[in-house]
Amino acid sequence: MRIARFAGDDDPRFGVIGDDNGVPTIAVLNGDPLYAGLNLSGQKIPLADVRLLAPVIPRSKVVCVGKNYAKHAAEMGGEVPAEPLIFLKPNTSVIGPGEPVFYPEQSKDVHYEGELAVVIGRICRDISAEDAAKVIFGYTVANDVTARDLQNKDGQWARAKGFDTFCPLGPWIETDFDPSNVAVTTRLNSQGNGDEIKQDGRTSDMVFTVPDIIQYVSSFMTLLPGDVILTGTPDGVGPMVVGDEVSVTIEGLGTLTNPVVSRD
């Protein structure tokens, strides 16, 4: 099931994406499905008449895993960590499909990082890998945008990863999805000159699997409904500049596209 958050003429709402006689539609839900359940209102809207938003706005946190693909760890000049390398992005960094990533004046080297994202569906702590599926609401696509020069300069990652707009999510949440072996592809359209594949990996190359990550993270922090976990990026990360457009595609989930613009 694909669950989207969208805007039309009213305030943002949630709905289930479907098909009505060949016309893509969104069946409107009453409330946030993370808290109200899948409570259909009976209203259907053509998908073409709405604008998709970030499918979840984390009320608490975005948890990220660094260097979770061996080739990416190598391209960054490091080794695969013995345990998941965890850092946080603020929930204010989240934007949706089509929304602009603002290039901050403090940086001259902003990178894309296409990633699989996990959306947590219930309060949990100390979850085993075997029980991890019980706390997952679904999956979506993410771009862990990073100011690489600031990451290297600061010696820690809060500023480099935490700018407003540095966590695009979307286009929807897929609740029925096997994340164990799917393609993760990032394309860069450089200032309108056509797409070029920059990242082309598979989730089967993750050092730590989704259940491993949930077990590890929940061993020291409580996860809440709507928390998002970014599971790491394949090799091929690189710079993007104002005028570029970045598209991250995950097989079976969809494509997340965002333009890069100046904050001025």
C-alpha atoms as a PDB file:
ATOM      1  CA  MET A   1       0.000   0.000   0.000  1.00  0.00           C
ATOM      2  CA  ARG A   2       1.269   3.434  -0.926  1.00  0.00           C
ATOM      3  CA  ILE A   3       0.449   6.179   1.539  1.00  0.00           C
ATOM      4  CA  ALA A   4       1.079   9.792   0.592  1.00  0.00           C
ATOM      5  CA  ARG A   5       0.816  13.166   2.241  1.00  0.00           C
ATOM      6  CA  PHE A   6      -0.523  15.792  -0.114  1.00  0.00           C
ATOM      7  CA  ALA A   7      -1.832  19.307  -0.512  1.00  0.00           C
ATOM      8  CA  GLY A   8      -4.684  20.514  -2.672  1.00  0.00           C
ATOM      9  CA  ASP A   9      -6.995  23.389  -1.890  1.00  0.00           C
ATOM     10  CA  ASP A  10      -7.106  22.397   1.794  1.00  0.00           C
ATOM     11  CA  ASP A  11      -4.539  21.817   4.520  1.00  0.00           C
ATOM     12  CA  PRO A  12      -2.144  18.885   4.058  1.00  0.00           C
ATOM     13  CA  ARG A  13      -3.834  15.489   4.298  1.00  0.00           C
ATOM     14  CA  PHE A  14      -2.963  11.826   3.920  1.00  0.00           C
ATOM     15  CA  GLY A  15      -4.289   9.331   1.428  1.00  0.00           C
ATOM     16  CA  VAL A  16      -3.829   5.948  -0.198  1.00  0.00           C
ATOM     17  CA  ILE A  17      -2.663   5.986  -3.800  1.00  0.00           C
ATOM     18  CA  GLY A  18      -4.682   3.786  -6.116  1.00  0.00           C
ATOM     19  CA  ASP A  19      -6.281   3.541  -9.519  1.00  0.00           C
ATOM     20  CA  ASP A  20      -9.854   4.265 -10.598  1.00  0.00           C
ATOM     21  CA  ASN A  21     -10.561   2.924 -14.098  1.00  0.00           C
ATOM     22  CA  GLY A  22      -7.059   3.750 -15.242  1.00  0.00           C
ATOM     23  CA  VAL A  23      -6.907   7.142 -13.535  1.00  0.00           C
ATOM     24  CA  PRO A  24      -4.389   7.428 -10.666  1.00  0.00           C
ATOM     25  CA  THR A  25      -6.231   8.594  -7.563  1.00  0.00           C
ATOM     26  CA  ILE A  26      -5.648   9.257  -3.911  1.00  0.00           C
ATOM     27  CA  ALA A  27      -8.227   7.973  -1.414  1.00  0.00           C
ATOM     28  CA  VAL A  28      -8.305  10.495   1.406  1.00  0.00           C
ATOM     29  CA  LEU A  29      -7.691   9.316   4.967  1.00  0.00           C
ATOM     30  CA  ASN A  30      -9.099  10.801   8.145  1.00  0.00           C
ATOM     31  CA  GLY A  31      -6.060  11.921  10.109  1.00  0.00           C
ATOM     32  CA  ASP A  32      -2.468  10.771  10.178  1.00  0.00           C
ATOM     33  CA  PRO A  33      -2.356   7.000   9.599  1.00  0.00           C
ATOM     34  CA  LEU A  34       0.522   6.669  12.070  1.00  0.00           C
ATOM     35  CA  TYR A  35      -1.873   7.683  14.826  1.00  0.00           C
ATOM     36  CA  ALA A  36      -5.408   7.343  13.446  1.00  0.00           C
ATOM     37  CA  GLY A  37      -4.933   4.149  11.449  1.00  0.00           C
ATOM     38  CA  LEU A  38      -6.144   3.600   7.892  1.00  0.00           C
ATOM     39  CA  ASN A  39      -9.465   5.362   8.304  1.00  0.00           C
ATOM     40  CA  LEU A  40     -10.791   6.130   4.811  1.00  0.00           C
ATOM     41  CA  SER A  41     -12.991   9.206   4.443  1.00  0.00           C
ATOM     42  CA  GLY A  42     -14.713   7.978   1.264  1.00  0.00           C
ATOM     43  CA  GLN A  43     -13.340  10.862  -0.790  1.00  0.00           C
ATOM     44  CA  LYS A  44     -11.162  10.233  -3.839  1.00  0.00           C
ATOM     45  CA  ILE A  45      -9.141  12.862  -5.691  1.00  0.00           C
ATOM     46  CA  PRO A  46      -7.282  12.524  -9.015  1.00  0.00           C
ATOM     47  CA  LEU A  47      -3.588  12.300  -8.209  1.00  0.00           C
ATOM     48  CA  ALA A  48      -2.879  14.876 -10.926  1.00  0.00           C
ATOM     49  CA  ASP A  49      -4.886  17.461  -8.955  1.00  0.00           C
ATOM     50  CA  VAL A  50      -2.714  17.371  -5.827  1.00  0.00           C
ATOM     51  CA  ARG A  51       0.873  18.141  -4.871  1.00  0.00           C
ATOM     52  CA  LEU A  52       2.758  15.445  -3.015  1.00  0.00           C
ATOM     53  CA  LEU A  53       4.517  16.503   0.173  1.00  0.00           C
ATOM     54  CA  ALA A  54       7.037  14.747   2.375  1.00  0.00           C
ATOM     55  CA  PRO A  55       5.110  11.583   3.298  1.00  0.00           C
ATOM     56  CA  VAL A  56       6.046  11.925   6.955  1.00  0.00           C
ATOM     57  CA  ILE A  57       7.108  14.868   9.082  1.00  0.00           C
ATOM     58  CA  PRO A  58       9.091  13.357  11.948  1.00  0.00           C
ATOM     59  CA  ARG A  59       7.826  14.754  15.225  1.00  0.00           C
ATOM     60  CA  SER A  60      11.024  13.653  16.915  1.00  0.00           C
ATOM     61  CA  LYS A  61      14.077  12.742  14.843  1.00  0.00           C
ATOM     62  CA  VAL A  62      15.764  11.476  11.709  1.00  0.00           C
ATOM     63  CA  VAL A  63      18.330   8.816  12.584  1.00  0.00           C
ATOM     64  CA  CYS A  64      21.069   8.207  10.007  1.00  0.00           C
ATOM     65  CA  VAL A  65      23.668   5.524   9.417  1.00  0.00           C
ATOM     66  CA  GLY A  66      27.065   6.478   8.016  1.00  0.00           C
ATOM     67  CA  LYS A  67      29.432   4.330   5.964  1.00  0.00           C
ATOM     68  CA  ASN A  68      26.957   1.454   5.654  1.00  0.00           C
ATOM     69  CA  TYR A  69      28.199   0.446   2.200  1.00  0.00           C
ATOM     70  CA  ALA A  70      31.802  -0.755   2.007  1.00  0.00           C
ATOM     71  CA  LYS A  71      32.541   0.992  -1.296  1.00  0.00           C
ATOM     72  CA  HIS A  72      31.195   4.284   0.028  1.00  0.00           C
ATOM     73  CA  ALA A  73      33.329   3.965   3.165  1.00  0.00           C
ATOM     74  CA  ALA A  74      36.336   3.416   0.894  1.00  0.00           C
ATOM     75  CA  GLU A  75      35.566   6.418  -1.329  1.00  0.00           C
ATOM     76  CA  MET A  76      35.384   8.564   1.807  1.00  0.00           C
ATOM     77  CA  GLY A  77      38.856   7.338   2.809  1.00  0.00           C
ATOM     78  CA  GLY A  78      37.672   5.227   5.706  1.00  0.00           C
ATOM     79  CA  GLU A  79      36.921   1.693   6.740  1.00  0.00           C
ATOM     80  CA  VAL A  80      33.619   0.022   7.508  1.00  0.00           C
ATOM     81  CA  PRO A  81      32.845   0.633  11.190  1.00  0.00           C
ATOM     82  CA  ALA A  82      32.557  -2.310  13.560  1.00  0.00           C
ATOM     83  CA  GLU A  83      29.143  -1.032  14.680  1.00  0.00           C
ATOM     84  CA  PRO A  84      26.607   1.163  12.878  1.00  0.00           C
ATOM     85  CA  LEU A  85      27.837   4.751  12.779  1.00  0.00           C
ATOM     86  CA  ILE A  86      24.859   6.806  13.960  1.00  0.00           C
ATOM     87  CA  PHE A  87      24.137  10.507  13.621  1.00  0.00           C
ATOM     88  CA  LEU A  88      20.985  12.657  13.596  1.00  0.00           C
ATOM     89  CA  LYS A  89      19.398  15.143  11.242  1.00  0.00           C
ATOM     90  CA  PRO A  90      16.852  17.618  12.645  1.00  0.00           C
ATOM     91  CA  ASN A  91      13.235  17.192  11.604  1.00  0.00           C
ATOM     92  CA  THR A  92      13.386  20.761  10.238  1.00  0.00           C
ATOM     93  CA  SER A  93      15.638  19.474   7.436  1.00  0.00           C
ATOM     94  CA  VAL A  94      12.786  17.437   5.895  1.00  0.00           C
ATOM     95  CA  ILE A  95      11.212  18.500   2.591  1.00  0.00           C
ATOM     96  CA  GLY A  96       9.094  16.678   0.027  1.00  0.00           C
ATOM     97  CA  PRO A  97       9.308  15.740  -3.653  1.00  0.00           C
ATOM     98  CA  GLY A  98       9.805  18.652  -6.012  1.00  0.00           C
ATOM     99  CA  GLU A  99      10.725  21.055  -3.228  1.00  0.00           C
ATOM    100  CA  PRO A 100      14.017  22.906  -3.604  1.00  0.00           C
ATOM    101  CA  VAL A 101      17.205  22.042  -1.773  1.00  0.00           C
ATOM    102  CA  PHE A 102      18.678  25.398  -0.770  1.00  0.00           C
ATOM    103  CA  TYR A 103      22.407  25.706  -1.322  1.00  0.00           C
ATOM    104  CA  PRO A 104      23.749  27.386   1.847  1.00  0.00           C
ATOM    105  CA  GLU A 105      26.130  30.298   1.600  1.00  0.00           C
ATOM    106  CA  GLN A 106      28.358  28.658   4.241  1.00  0.00           C
ATOM    107  CA  SER A 107      29.325  25.795   1.907  1.00  0.00           C
ATOM    108  CA  LYS A 108      30.970  25.395  -1.476  1.00  0.00           C
ATOM    109  CA  ASP A 109      30.736  21.580  -1.690  1.00  0.00           C
ATOM    110  CA  VAL A 110      27.212  20.189  -1.220  1.00  0.00           C
ATOM    111  CA  HIS A 111      26.716  16.515  -2.081  1.00  0.00           C
ATOM    112  CA  TYR A 112      23.781  14.204  -2.845  1.00  0.00           C
ATOM    113  CA  GLU A 113      23.462  10.854  -1.047  1.00  0.00           C
ATOM    114  CA  GLY A 114      20.608   8.619  -2.218  1.00  0.00           C
ATOM    115  CA  GLU A 115      19.289   6.328   0.513  1.00  0.00           C
ATOM    116  CA  LEU A 116      16.562   3.936   1.572  1.00  0.00           C
ATOM    117  CA  ALA A 117      14.526   5.368   4.460  1.00  0.00           C
ATOM    118  CA  VAL A 118      12.578   3.417   7.084  1.00  0.00           C
ATOM    119  CA  VAL A 119       9.522   4.943   8.789  1.00  0.00           C
ATOM    120  CA  ILE A 120       8.877   3.732  12.330  1.00  0.00           C
ATOM    121  CA  GLY A 121       5.266   2.939  13.182  1.00  0.00           C
ATOM    122  CA  ARG A 122       5.164   2.483  16.956  1.00  0.00           C
ATOM    123  CA  ILE A 123       6.968   3.367  20.161  1.00  0.00           C
ATOM    124  CA  CYS A 124       9.750   0.878  20.699  1.00  0.00           C
ATOM    125  CA  ARG A 125      12.923   0.233  22.663  1.00  0.00           C
ATOM    126  CA  ASP A 126      15.267  -2.769  22.777  1.00  0.00           C
ATOM    127  CA  ILE A 127      13.808  -4.406  19.672  1.00  0.00           C
ATOM    128  CA  SER A 128      15.544  -7.527  18.413  1.00  0.00           C
ATOM    129  CA  ALA A 129      16.446  -7.876  14.754  1.00  0.00           C
ATOM    130  CA  GLU A 130      13.936 -10.715  14.552  1.00  0.00           C
ATOM    131  CA  ASP A 131      11.131  -8.410  15.722  1.00  0.00           C
ATOM    132  CA  ALA A 132      12.165  -5.318  13.749  1.00  0.00           C
ATOM    133  CA  ALA A 133       9.460  -5.760  11.094  1.00  0.00           C
ATOM    134  CA  LYS A 134       6.797  -5.338  13.802  1.00  0.00           C
ATOM    135  CA  VAL A 135       7.768  -1.712  14.394  1.00  0.00           C
ATOM    136  CA  ILE A 136       8.201  -0.630  10.754  1.00  0.00           C
ATOM    137  CA  PHE A 137       5.348   1.341   9.222  1.00  0.00           C
ATOM    138  CA  GLY A 138       6.902   1.442   5.762  1.00  0.00           C
ATOM    139  CA  TYR A 139       9.686   2.651   3.518  1.00  0.00           C
ATOM    140  CA  THR A 140      10.403   5.696   1.400  1.00  0.00           C
ATOM    141  CA  VAL A 141      13.205   7.330  -0.597  1.00  0.00           C
ATOM    142  CA  ALA A 142      15.653   9.833   0.889  1.00  0.00           C
ATOM    143  CA  ASN A 143      18.487  12.136  -0.099  1.00  0.00           C
ATOM    144  CA  ASP A 144      20.915  12.724   2.775  1.00  0.00           C
ATOM    145  CA  VAL A 145      22.190  16.070   1.497  1.00  0.00           C
ATOM    146  CA  THR A 146      25.583  16.923   2.983  1.00  0.00           C
ATOM    147  CA  ALA A 147      27.827  19.974   3.023  1.00  0.00           C
ATOM    148  CA  ARG A 148      31.002  17.954   2.609  1.00  0.00           C
ATOM    149  CA  ASP A 149      33.438  20.791   3.273  1.00  0.00           C
ATOM    150  CA  LEU A 150      31.701  21.627   6.546  1.00  0.00           C
ATOM    151  CA  GLN A 151      31.632  17.955   7.511  1.00  0.00           C
ATOM    152  CA  ASN A 152      35.412  17.835   7.124  1.00  0.00           C
ATOM    153  CA  LYS A 153      35.956  21.217   8.757  1.00  0.00           C
ATOM    154  CA  ASP A 154      33.775  20.722  11.819  1.00  0.00           C
ATOM    155  CA  GLY A 155      34.905  17.233  12.758  1.00  0.00           C
ATOM    156  CA  GLN A 156      31.298  16.337  13.514  1.00  0.00           C
ATOM    157  CA  TRP A 157      28.281  16.290  11.263  1.00  0.00           C
ATOM    158  CA  ALA A 158      25.461  18.292  12.837  1.00  0.00           C
ATOM    159  CA  ARG A 159      25.861  21.426  10.741  1.00  0.00           C
ATOM    160  CA  ALA A 160      26.903  19.657   7.524  1.00  0.00           C
ATOM    161  CA  LYS A 161      23.863  17.386   7.582  1.00  0.00           C
ATOM    162  CA  GLY A 162      21.372  19.615   9.366  1.00  0.00           C
ATOM    163  CA  PHE A 163      20.613  22.591   7.143  1.00  0.00           C
ATOM    164  CA  ASP A 164      16.964  23.260   6.354  1.00  0.00           C
ATOM    165  CA  THR A 165      15.991  21.300   3.181  1.00  0.00           C
ATOM    166  CA  PHE A 166      18.851  18.784   3.592  1.00  0.00           C
ATOM    167  CA  CYS A 167      16.551  15.774   4.020  1.00  0.00           C
ATOM    168  CA  PRO A 168      14.236  15.292   1.027  1.00  0.00           C
ATOM    169  CA  LEU A 169      11.804  12.394   1.543  1.00  0.00           C
ATOM    170  CA  GLY A 170       9.198  10.868  -0.766  1.00  0.00           C
ATOM    171  CA  PRO A 171       7.306  10.491  -2.913  1.00  0.00           C
ATOM    172  CA  TRP A 172       5.224   8.211  -0.621  1.00  0.00           C
ATOM    173  CA  ILE A 173       5.490   5.454   1.976  1.00  0.00           C
ATOM    174  CA  GLU A 174       5.274   1.875   0.752  1.00  0.00           C
ATOM    175  CA  THR A 175       4.003  -0.418   3.518  1.00  0.00           C
ATOM    176  CA  ASP A 176       4.484  -3.715   1.651  1.00  0.00           C
ATOM    177  CA  PHE A 177       8.130  -3.794   0.710  1.00  0.00           C
ATOM    178  CA  ASP A 178      11.139  -6.089   1.010  1.00  0.00           C
ATOM    179  CA  PRO A 179      14.265  -3.900   1.436  1.00  0.00           C
ATOM    180  CA  SER A 180      16.808  -6.708   1.366  1.00  0.00           C
ATOM    181  CA  ASN A 181      17.943  -6.530  -2.288  1.00  0.00           C
ATOM    182  CA  VAL A 182      16.726  -3.591  -4.372  1.00  0.00           C
ATOM    183  CA  ALA A 183      18.512  -1.090  -6.581  1.00  0.00           C
ATOM    184  CA  VAL A 184      19.350   2.405  -5.295  1.00  0.00           C
ATOM    185  CA  THR A 185      20.091   4.789  -8.161  1.00  0.00           C
ATOM    186  CA  THR A 186      20.899   8.493  -8.118  1.00  0.00           C
ATOM    187  CA  ARG A 187      20.765  10.587 -11.274  1.00  0.00           C
ATOM    188  CA  LEU A 188      22.118  14.114 -11.576  1.00  0.00           C
ATOM    189  CA  ASN A 189      20.674  16.457 -14.168  1.00  0.00           C
ATOM    190  CA  SER A 190      23.442  19.029 -14.320  1.00  0.00           C
ATOM    191  CA  GLN A 191      21.900  22.428 -15.011  1.00  0.00           C
ATOM    192  CA  GLY A 192      19.384  21.008 -17.468  1.00  0.00           C
ATOM    193  CA  ASN A 193      21.905  19.107 -19.594  1.00  0.00           C
ATOM    194  CA  GLY A 194      20.385  15.671 -19.105  1.00  0.00           C
ATOM    195  CA  ASP A 195      20.508  12.889 -16.535  1.00  0.00           C
ATOM    196  CA  GLU A 196      23.705  11.073 -15.628  1.00  0.00           C
ATOM    197  CA  ILE A 197      23.732   8.081 -13.296  1.00  0.00           C
ATOM    198  CA  LYS A 198      25.988   8.857 -10.347  1.00  0.00           C
ATOM    199  CA  GLN A 199      25.063   6.139  -7.849  1.00  0.00           C
ATOM    200  CA  ASP A 200      24.048   2.601  -8.743  1.00  0.00           C
ATOM    201  CA  GLY A 201      24.010   0.263  -5.752  1.00  0.00           C
ATOM    202  CA  ARG A 202      21.895  -2.410  -4.135  1.00  0.00           C
ATOM    203  CA  THR A 203      20.627  -2.658  -0.586  1.00  0.00           C
ATOM    204  CA  SER A 204      22.059  -6.178  -0.444  1.00  0.00           C
ATOM    205  CA  ASP A 205      25.453  -4.450  -0.200  1.00  0.00           C
ATOM    206  CA  MET A 206      24.580  -2.859   3.133  1.00  0.00           C
ATOM    207  CA  VAL A 207      27.009  -3.759   5.894  1.00  0.00           C
ATOM    208  CA  PHE A 208      24.220  -3.583   8.487  1.00  0.00           C
ATOM    209  CA  THR A 209      20.729  -4.617   7.399  1.00  0.00           C
ATOM    210  CA  VAL A 210      17.522  -2.795   8.310  1.00  0.00           C
ATOM    211  CA  PRO A 211      16.792  -5.244  11.189  1.00  0.00           C
ATOM    212  CA  ASP A 212      20.407  -4.862  12.411  1.00  0.00           C
ATOM    213  CA  ILE A 213      20.057  -1.069  12.423  1.00  0.00           C
ATOM    214  CA  ILE A 214      16.748  -1.058  14.286  1.00  0.00           C
ATOM    215  CA  GLN A 215      18.112  -3.443  16.893  1.00  0.00           C
ATOM    216  CA  TYR A 216      21.205  -1.285  17.392  1.00  0.00           C
ATOM    217  CA  VAL A 217      19.489   2.101  17.491  1.00  0.00           C
ATOM    218  CA  SER A 218      16.668   0.940  19.768  1.00  0.00           C
ATOM    219  CA  SER A 219      19.232  -0.431  22.221  1.00  0.00           C
ATOM    220  CA  PHE A 220      20.091   3.115  23.317  1.00  0.00           C
ATOM    221  CA  MET A 221      17.234   5.390  22.245  1.00  0.00           C
ATOM    222  CA  THR A 222      13.472   5.076  22.118  1.00  0.00           C
ATOM    223  CA  LEU A 223      12.032   5.191  18.618  1.00  0.00           C
ATOM    224  CA  LEU A 224       8.705   6.965  18.158  1.00  0.00           C
ATOM    225  CA  PRO A 225       5.975   6.778  15.505  1.00  0.00           C
ATOM    226  CA  GLY A 226       7.090   8.891  12.551  1.00  0.00           C
ATOM    227  CA  ASP A 227      10.790   8.644  13.294  1.00  0.00           C
ATOM    228  CA  VAL A 228      12.755   8.088  10.092  1.00  0.00           C
ATOM    229  CA  ILE A 229      15.923   6.019   9.747  1.00  0.00           C
ATOM    230  CA  LEU A 230      18.217   6.664   6.764  1.00  0.00           C
ATOM    231  CA  THR A 231      20.137   3.468   6.097  1.00  0.00           C
ATOM    232  CA  GLY A 232      23.279   4.743   4.376  1.00  0.00           C
ATOM    233  CA  THR A 233      24.310   5.546   0.816  1.00  0.00           C
ATOM    234  CA  PRO A 234      26.105   3.550  -1.894  1.00  0.00           C
ATOM    235  CA  ASP A 235      29.318   4.792  -3.461  1.00  0.00           C
ATOM    236  CA  GLY A 236      29.217   7.491  -6.102  1.00  0.00           C
ATOM    237  CA  VAL A 237      28.361  10.502  -3.948  1.00  0.00           C
ATOM    238  CA  GLY A 238      29.411  13.821  -5.377  1.00  0.00           C
ATOM    239  CA  PRO A 239      28.727  17.519  -5.701  1.00  0.00           C
ATOM    240  CA  MET A 240      25.604  19.226  -6.916  1.00  0.00           C
ATOM    241  CA  VAL A 241      25.307  22.915  -7.678  1.00  0.00           C
ATOM    242  CA  VAL A 242      22.625  25.534  -8.133  1.00  0.00           C
ATOM    243  CA  GLY A 243      20.630  24.710 -11.260  1.00  0.00           C
ATOM    244  CA  ASP A 244      21.041  20.951 -10.872  1.00  0.00           C
ATOM    245  CA  GLU A 245      18.235  18.465 -10.282  1.00  0.00           C
ATOM    246  CA  VAL A 246      18.790  15.257  -8.319  1.00  0.00           C
ATOM    247  CA  SER A 247      16.617  12.149  -8.667  1.00  0.00           C
ATOM    248  CA  VAL A 248      16.934   9.190  -6.321  1.00  0.00           C
ATOM    249  CA  THR A 249      15.137   6.018  -7.408  1.00  0.00           C
ATOM    250  CA  ILE A 250      14.661   2.905  -5.304  1.00  0.00           C
ATOM    251  CA  GLU A 251      13.399  -0.164  -7.099  1.00  0.00           C
ATOM    252  CA  GLY A 252       9.824  -0.859  -6.048  1.00  0.00           C
ATOM    253  CA  LEU A 253       9.435   2.431  -4.188  1.00  0.00           C
ATOM    254  CA  GLY A 254       9.592   5.224  -6.739  1.00  0.00           C
ATOM    255  CA  THR A 255      11.618   8.325  -7.535  1.00  0.00           C
ATOM    256  CA  LEU A 256      12.331  11.395  -5.422  1.00  0.00           C
ATOM    257  CA  THR A 257      13.360  14.474  -7.421  1.00  0.00           C
ATOM    258  CA  ASN A 258      14.489  17.837  -6.068  1.00  0.00           C
ATOM    259  CA  PRO A 259      16.025  20.919  -7.714  1.00  0.00           C
ATOM    260  CA  VAL A 260      18.993  22.745  -6.200  1.00  0.00           C
ATOM    261  CA  VAL A 261      18.520  26.486  -5.823  1.00  0.00           C
ATOM    262  CA  SER A 262      20.257  29.416  -4.226  1.00  0.00           C
ATOM    263  CA  ARG A 263      18.904  30.621  -0.896  1.00  0.00           C
ATOM    264  CA  ASP A 264      19.201  34.228  -2.135  1.00  0.00           C
END
